[in-house]
Each structure stands twice: as C-alpha cells, then as structure tokens.
Amino acid sequence: MAEYSRNVPMVSCLQLNSVPVLKLNKVVSQKAFVRDVKKMSPSQQTYGVELYHSKVNQFAPVSSTALQRELWQEACQNRDLMPSTLEGQITMEKTPSYFVTNHAPKRIHTMARDIKLIIVVRNPVTRAISDYTQTLSKKPEINTFEVLAFKNRTLGLIDASWSALRIGIYALHLESWMQYFPLSQMHFVSGERLIVDPAGEMGKVQDFLGLKRIVTDKHFYFNKTKGFPCLKKPEDSSTPRCLGKSKGRTHPKIDPDVIRRLHKFYKPFNMMFYQMTGQNFEWELEEDSGSRSSQD
C-alpha cells in the first residue's frame, strides 16, 4: 500500500486505519491484484483489477460529472483548507449546490457527522424565475422561460427535469439529507423573511449556532435600488456591504398562466416540505395574492 500511494496520492479524508483504508488495503494486498496490476491496459483488464475498481468505487466518488469530482475533493479536503478553529469559534463554508447534489449528504456526514446545516429557501416559483434570469444574463440566446418550463404546454406537462424547476422540489432533496442528519442539526432560513426582516432571521441563525445575538437591526439598512438589505457595522463609517452586481436583476415578465401552473405543480411538494421541517413558509399566500418578487 505504501508503495502504491507514492504514485497515487491518498485522498486526505481516508484516514489511516479507518474502515475504508483497511478494506482497500486488503484488496490491493491480494496476490491476484499484485500479479494483475501490470496488466492495467484496457485490453488486459483482469478479475483482480476489476475487484480493485469495485472496492475503490465504494469509497471514492462517482466521477460522472466535474461537479461531483469537485464535490468529493471539497468534502475530503475541507478540513485542510479551512482556517484553524480555536475553542469557541465556528468555521463556516457555503456551497448552494450541496443541498441538491445526491452524494453530498453521505460524504459530508462521513467528514463531520456533528456538523450544523443552514439551508436558505424561498418560494420555488420565484426561485426558478431568478435562476432563469441569471442564466439569461449569461446566455441571452436561450429559449423563453415558458418554453423551458414545459415538456408539453398544451397538455400542461411541466418539465421537472429542468434544473431551474427541479431544485425547487425541496422535499425531495431534504429526504436525502434526513437519511444522515436529524432535523436538530438543520436550520431553515426563509428567503422572503430574510429580505423583509434580516435581523430577525439572523437572530434565529445565531440561536441555532449557540451564539450570542450580536447581529441586530442596527447592522442592516434597506437598499431600495437593489431591493435587498445591506449589511453595515454601526461602529464603522465605511461603505455598507451590499449584494453584488449579479443580484437585484429585474425579472423578465412571465405569462401569469405559467406562474399559476407552477404554483399548482409545487403545492404538494411544498406541503410535504412544511411537514418535514415543521415550518410553514406560506408560499401559497403569495400565490393567492398574485404577488412575487420582481428581482432576484
């Protein structure tokens, strides 16, 4: 094993004497593997090599996409990349794609099973339009939202495989996380309330993390141009920190019938999400009032 690791660097999260390493060592130490390792060309794959690959795949990431490869590398190396944390300090890492990536819950649980998770959610219809708006700013040639949202608009068949819509099926994604983490380790932030009452939502986050409520109303002011609150330090006269240029874009006008159909599509998933989290985000009230955010 030591000789083999000279040419193939060990992933940092495979700790010496851990179960994965012991099982892996058992495989690569077999005489059949040592004999067959010389025949690793595609034309000479043997049982020993096949067995090795099958075992490695149990403890290594599925490399079907660059995102998954990056996710595994991040999950394994996070502790090495993070700054040193002293007693009484908390280190945070933010990656939105974790919540909707199938392999993330298991890998993060393997890395730190006592980790606390904070998930920010908003009305999935508004979220989908915001997602589309961001893509449109980079690819103005893409189809309209109305076209992408349906497999067959005449029949009312919504394309739930479109990532902008699939991400908003929160109950589906949360189900994967609940297989590894209890709700007591999760905190859900309302994206809508974060805009209208940032101090209130941040107060709940501080409580969840076991921190003293230091961030309060005096740390925020509402930027009418952006349509979002900005963060400031009361004792600091420097320029407040607002969201970047990529935020606060005006949403394109979407056919009201499409919005209505999407609300109907998401409703059962939203109800399930409310039940799973024990929180009512009241997204149906937005549907009833016909109001929605015009900016992302």
Protein backbone atom coordinates (compact mmCIF):
# COMPACT_ATOMS: atom_id res chain seq x y z
CA MET A 1 0.00 0.00 0.00
CA ALA A 2 2.79 2.43 0.82
CA GLU A 3 4.49 1.84 -2.49
CA TYR A 4 1.24 2.22 -4.39
CA SER A 5 0.46 5.54 -2.65
CA ARG A 6 3.72 7.03 -3.87
CA ASN A 7 2.26 7.21 -7.39
CA VAL A 8 -1.40 7.72 -6.49
CA PRO A 9 -1.80 10.37 -3.75
CA MET A 10 -4.11 9.34 -0.95
CA VAL A 11 -7.26 11.41 -0.60
CA SER A 12 -6.88 13.38 2.60
CA CYS A 13 -10.13 12.16 4.13
CA LEU A 14 -9.13 8.48 4.01
CA GLN A 15 -7.60 8.29 7.45
CA LEU A 16 -5.01 5.70 8.39
CA ASN A 17 -6.60 2.60 9.99
CA SER A 18 -10.11 3.74 9.04
CA VAL A 19 -12.53 1.08 7.78
CA PRO A 20 -12.29 2.19 4.11
CA VAL A 21 -8.48 2.15 4.20
CA LEU A 22 -8.36 -1.29 5.86
CA LYS A 23 -10.74 -2.74 3.28
CA LEU A 24 -8.87 -1.11 0.44
CA ASN A 25 -5.54 -2.35 1.77
CA LYS A 26 -6.97 -5.87 1.97
CA VAL A 27 -7.88 -5.77 -1.70
CA VAL A 28 -4.66 -4.28 -3.08
CA SER A 29 -2.55 -6.66 -0.98
CA GLN A 30 -4.00 -9.75 -2.61
CA LYS A 31 -1.59 -11.77 -4.71
CA ALA A 32 -4.04 -11.73 -7.61
CA PHE A 33 -4.06 -7.97 -7.65
CA VAL A 34 -0.29 -7.62 -7.34
CA ARG A 35 0.03 -10.02 -10.26
CA ASP A 36 -2.59 -8.30 -12.38
CA VAL A 37 -1.65 -4.71 -11.69
CA LYS A 38 0.87 -4.93 -14.51
CA LYS A 39 -1.99 -5.59 -16.91
CA MET A 40 -3.96 -2.42 -16.41
CA SER A 41 -4.25 -1.56 -20.10
CA PRO A 42 -7.86 -1.62 -21.36
CA SER A 43 -7.14 -4.73 -23.41
CA GLN A 44 -5.93 -6.74 -20.41
CA GLN A 45 -8.39 -5.99 -17.60
CA THR A 46 -8.45 -8.90 -15.19
CA TYR A 47 -10.52 -10.02 -12.22
CA GLY A 48 -8.07 -8.57 -9.73
CA VAL A 49 -8.17 -5.14 -11.34
CA GLU A 50 -11.96 -5.30 -11.68
CA LEU A 51 -12.21 -6.16 -7.98
CA TYR A 52 -9.97 -3.27 -7.08
CA HIS A 53 -12.10 -0.84 -9.07
CA SER A 54 -15.29 -2.14 -7.47
CA LYS A 55 -13.90 -1.60 -3.98
CA VAL A 56 -12.46 1.82 -4.75
CA ASN A 57 -15.83 2.89 -6.12
CA GLN A 58 -17.44 2.09 -2.77
CA PHE A 59 -15.32 4.71 -1.04
CA ALA A 60 -14.48 7.12 -3.85
CA PRO A 61 -16.79 9.49 -5.71
CA VAL A 62 -18.74 8.66 -8.83
CA SER A 63 -16.90 10.72 -11.43
CA SER A 64 -19.77 11.14 -13.86
CA THR A 65 -19.53 14.94 -13.80
CA ALA A 66 -16.99 17.59 -12.96
CA LEU A 67 -19.31 18.86 -10.24
CA GLN A 68 -19.27 15.52 -8.45
CA ARG A 69 -15.49 15.29 -8.68
CA GLU A 70 -15.15 18.78 -7.27
CA LEU A 71 -17.67 18.00 -4.55
CA TRP A 72 -15.71 14.96 -3.40
CA GLN A 73 -12.45 16.86 -3.40
CA GLU A 74 -14.03 19.67 -1.40
CA ALA A 75 -15.67 17.33 1.09
CA CYS A 76 -12.45 15.41 1.64
CA GLN A 77 -10.13 18.39 1.86
CA ASN A 78 -12.37 20.89 3.65
CA ARG A 79 -10.66 20.44 6.99
CA ASP A 80 -7.25 21.01 5.43
CA LEU A 81 -8.44 24.09 3.56
CA MET A 82 -10.39 25.62 6.43
CA PRO A 83 -8.66 28.08 8.77
CA SER A 84 -7.74 26.75 12.18
CA THR A 85 -10.68 26.98 14.55
CA LEU A 86 -10.00 27.78 18.17
CA GLU A 87 -12.25 26.79 21.04
CA GLY A 88 -15.31 29.00 20.98
CA GLN A 89 -15.02 29.71 17.27
CA ILE A 90 -17.16 28.40 14.41
CA THR A 91 -15.91 27.87 10.85
CA MET A 92 -18.48 28.14 8.05
CA GLU A 93 -18.45 27.02 4.42
CA LYS A 94 -21.09 27.94 1.82
CA THR A 95 -21.90 25.96 -1.33
CA PRO A 96 -25.52 26.09 -2.60
CA SER A 97 -25.17 23.01 -4.81
CA TYR A 98 -24.61 20.70 -1.82
CA PHE A 99 -28.32 20.66 -0.95
CA VAL A 100 -29.34 19.33 -4.37
CA THR A 101 -26.38 17.01 -5.02
CA ASN A 102 -27.27 13.36 -4.38
CA HIS A 103 -23.92 12.27 -2.92
CA ALA A 104 -23.35 15.28 -0.69
CA PRO A 105 -25.24 14.13 2.45
CA LYS A 106 -23.32 10.88 2.81
CA ARG A 107 -19.94 12.44 2.12
CA ILE A 108 -20.45 15.36 4.45
CA HIS A 109 -21.72 13.01 7.15
CA THR A 110 -18.55 10.96 6.73
CA MET A 111 -16.43 14.09 7.07
CA ALA A 112 -18.25 15.62 10.07
CA ARG A 113 -21.38 13.95 11.34
CA ASP A 114 -21.97 16.57 14.05
CA ILE A 115 -21.95 19.45 11.56
CA LYS A 116 -24.76 22.02 11.63
CA LEU A 117 -26.53 22.75 8.36
CA ILE A 118 -28.18 26.01 7.35
CA ILE A 119 -30.49 25.93 4.32
CA VAL A 120 -31.94 29.10 2.79
CA VAL A 121 -35.13 28.51 0.80
CA ARG A 122 -37.61 30.73 -0.99
CA ASN A 123 -40.81 30.31 -2.98
CA PRO A 124 -39.76 27.73 -5.60
CA VAL A 125 -41.59 29.60 -8.37
CA THR A 126 -39.72 32.82 -7.64
CA ARG A 127 -36.52 30.82 -7.24
CA ALA A 128 -36.97 29.25 -10.68
CA ILE A 129 -37.55 32.63 -12.32
CA SER A 130 -34.48 34.02 -10.54
CA ASP A 131 -32.45 31.02 -11.73
CA TYR A 132 -33.62 31.62 -15.30
CA THR A 133 -32.87 35.35 -15.04
CA GLN A 134 -29.28 34.62 -14.04
CA THR A 135 -28.84 32.17 -16.93
CA LEU A 136 -30.44 34.62 -19.35
CA SER A 137 -27.92 37.29 -18.39
CA LYS A 138 -25.13 34.96 -19.47
CA LYS A 139 -26.88 33.26 -22.39
CA PRO A 140 -29.35 35.71 -23.97
CA GLU A 141 -29.99 33.28 -26.80
CA ILE A 142 -31.75 30.65 -24.65
CA ASN A 143 -35.44 29.85 -25.02
CA THR A 144 -38.07 31.70 -23.04
CA PHE A 145 -38.92 30.60 -19.52
CA GLU A 146 -42.35 29.49 -20.73
CA VAL A 147 -40.80 27.14 -23.32
CA LEU A 148 -38.25 25.61 -20.94
CA ALA A 149 -40.76 25.05 -18.14
CA PHE A 150 -42.94 22.62 -20.11
CA LYS A 151 -42.50 19.33 -21.87
CA ASN A 152 -45.87 19.98 -23.46
CA ARG A 153 -47.58 23.22 -22.58
CA THR A 154 -50.80 22.31 -24.36
CA LEU A 155 -51.17 19.26 -22.12
CA GLY A 156 -49.81 21.12 -19.11
CA LEU A 157 -46.84 18.76 -18.70
CA ILE A 158 -44.21 20.57 -16.67
CA ASP A 159 -40.57 19.63 -17.26
CA ALA A 160 -39.44 18.78 -13.72
CA SER A 161 -36.08 17.63 -15.11
CA TRP A 162 -35.15 21.23 -15.93
CA SER A 163 -32.74 22.17 -13.16
CA ALA A 164 -34.36 25.55 -12.53
CA LEU A 165 -37.56 23.72 -11.55
CA ARG A 166 -36.06 20.55 -10.06
CA ILE A 167 -34.05 22.46 -7.46
CA GLY A 168 -37.27 23.88 -6.02
CA ILE A 169 -38.65 20.45 -5.11
CA TYR A 170 -37.18 20.91 -1.65
CA ALA A 171 -38.89 17.92 -0.06
CA LEU A 172 -37.14 15.60 -2.48
CA HIS A 173 -33.70 16.94 -1.62
CA LEU A 174 -34.36 17.15 2.11
CA GLU A 175 -35.33 13.50 2.16
CA SER A 176 -31.78 12.58 1.18
CA TRP A 177 -30.30 14.71 3.96
CA MET A 178 -32.64 13.31 6.60
CA GLN A 179 -31.19 9.86 5.96
CA TYR A 180 -27.94 11.10 7.53
CA PHE A 181 -28.75 14.12 9.69
CA PRO A 182 -31.50 14.78 12.26
CA LEU A 183 -33.61 17.91 11.94
CA SER A 184 -31.98 19.19 15.13
CA GLN A 185 -28.81 19.77 13.08
CA MET A 186 -30.63 21.69 10.36
CA HIS A 187 -31.91 25.24 10.30
CA PHE A 188 -34.11 26.59 7.51
CA VAL A 189 -34.00 30.27 6.67
CA SER A 190 -36.90 31.88 4.81
CA GLY A 191 -35.53 33.78 1.83
CA GLU A 192 -38.58 36.03 1.87
CA ARG A 193 -38.26 36.92 5.55
CA LEU A 194 -34.52 37.38 5.16
CA ILE A 195 -35.32 40.32 2.87
CA VAL A 196 -38.03 41.98 4.98
CA ASP A 197 -36.60 41.11 8.41
CA PRO A 198 -32.89 40.25 8.07
CA ALA A 199 -32.15 40.87 11.75
CA GLY A 200 -34.94 38.52 12.83
CA GLU A 201 -33.75 35.71 10.58
CA MET A 202 -30.11 36.23 11.58
CA GLY A 203 -31.18 36.16 15.22
CA LYS A 204 -32.58 32.66 14.68
CA VAL A 205 -29.38 31.60 12.94
CA GLN A 206 -27.29 32.84 15.87
CA ASP A 207 -29.54 30.93 18.28
CA PHE A 208 -29.18 27.78 16.20
CA LEU A 209 -25.38 28.08 16.28
CA GLY A 210 -25.37 28.74 20.01
CA LEU A 211 -24.05 32.27 19.56
CA LYS A 212 -24.86 35.45 21.40
CA ARG A 213 -27.18 37.68 19.38
CA ILE A 214 -24.66 40.27 18.22
CA VAL A 215 -26.05 40.93 14.71
CA THR A 216 -29.21 43.01 15.18
CA ASP A 217 -31.35 45.63 13.41
CA LYS A 218 -28.61 48.25 13.67
CA HIS A 219 -26.48 46.19 11.29
CA PHE A 220 -28.90 46.48 8.35
CA TYR A 221 -30.50 49.05 6.10
CA PHE A 222 -32.71 48.50 3.06
CA ASN A 223 -31.33 49.41 -0.35
CA LYS A 224 -34.29 50.49 -2.49
CA THR A 225 -32.27 50.29 -5.70
CA LYS A 226 -31.24 46.67 -5.13
CA GLY A 227 -34.43 45.67 -3.38
CA PHE A 228 -32.38 43.92 -0.69
CA PRO A 229 -30.99 44.82 2.74
CA CYS A 230 -27.35 45.81 3.03
CA LEU A 231 -25.02 44.95 5.91
CA LYS A 232 -23.19 47.59 7.88
CA LYS A 233 -21.18 47.87 11.07
CA PRO A 234 -22.66 50.51 13.37
CA GLU A 235 -19.26 51.47 14.73
CA ASP A 236 -17.72 51.62 11.26
CA SER A 237 -18.23 54.54 8.90
CA SER A 238 -17.07 52.57 5.86
CA THR A 239 -19.36 51.82 2.92
CA PRO A 240 -22.05 49.24 3.78
CA ARG A 241 -21.72 45.83 2.15
CA CYS A 242 -24.49 45.23 -0.38
CA LEU A 243 -25.13 42.37 -2.78
CA GLY A 244 -23.01 42.37 -5.92
CA LYS A 245 -23.89 43.33 -9.49
CA SER A 246 -25.18 39.82 -10.21
CA LYS A 247 -28.00 40.33 -7.68
CA GLY A 248 -31.04 42.54 -7.90
CA ARG A 249 -31.70 41.99 -11.59
CA THR A 250 -35.22 42.72 -12.78
CA HIS A 251 -37.07 39.51 -13.63
CA PRO A 252 -38.48 39.09 -17.14
CA LYS A 253 -42.26 39.23 -17.42
CA ILE A 254 -43.62 35.67 -17.25
CA ASP A 255 -47.04 34.59 -18.52
CA PRO A 256 -49.35 34.62 -15.44
CA ASP A 257 -50.87 31.31 -16.56
CA VAL A 258 -47.43 29.68 -16.42
CA ILE A 259 -46.86 31.04 -12.91
CA ARG A 260 -50.27 29.73 -11.84
CA ARG A 261 -49.49 26.28 -13.22
CA LEU A 262 -46.14 26.21 -11.48
CA HIS A 263 -47.72 27.15 -8.15
CA LYS A 264 -50.12 24.26 -8.63
CA PHE A 265 -47.24 21.92 -9.52
CA TYR A 266 -45.19 22.84 -6.44
CA LYS A 267 -48.03 22.93 -3.93
CA PRO A 268 -47.99 19.23 -2.88
CA PHE A 269 -44.20 19.31 -2.60
CA ASN A 270 -44.37 22.49 -0.53
CA MET A 271 -46.91 20.92 1.81
CA MET A 272 -44.62 17.93 2.24
CA PHE A 273 -41.67 20.24 2.90
CA TYR A 274 -43.64 22.15 5.55
CA GLN A 275 -44.50 18.88 7.26
CA MET A 276 -40.92 17.60 7.14
CA THR A 277 -39.42 20.79 8.56
CA GLY A 278 -42.23 21.74 10.92
CA GLN A 279 -42.27 25.22 9.34
CA ASN A 280 -44.91 26.89 7.20
CA PHE A 281 -43.23 29.23 4.73
CA GLU A 282 -46.63 30.47 3.50
CA TRP A 283 -45.71 30.42 -0.18
CA GLU A 284 -49.35 29.73 -1.02
CA LEU A 285 -50.25 33.19 0.29
CA GLU A 286 -48.07 34.66 -2.46
CA GLU A 287 -49.99 32.61 -4.99
CA ASP A 288 -53.33 33.81 -3.65
CA SER A 289 -52.26 37.46 -3.66
CA GLY A 290 -50.68 37.11 -7.08
CA SER A 291 -47.56 38.83 -5.82
CA ARG A 292 -43.99 37.80 -6.33
CA SER A 293 -40.55 39.32 -6.18
CA SER A 294 -39.63 41.16 -9.40
CA GLN A 295 -35.93 40.88 -8.63
CA ASP A 296 -33.53 38.06 -7.87
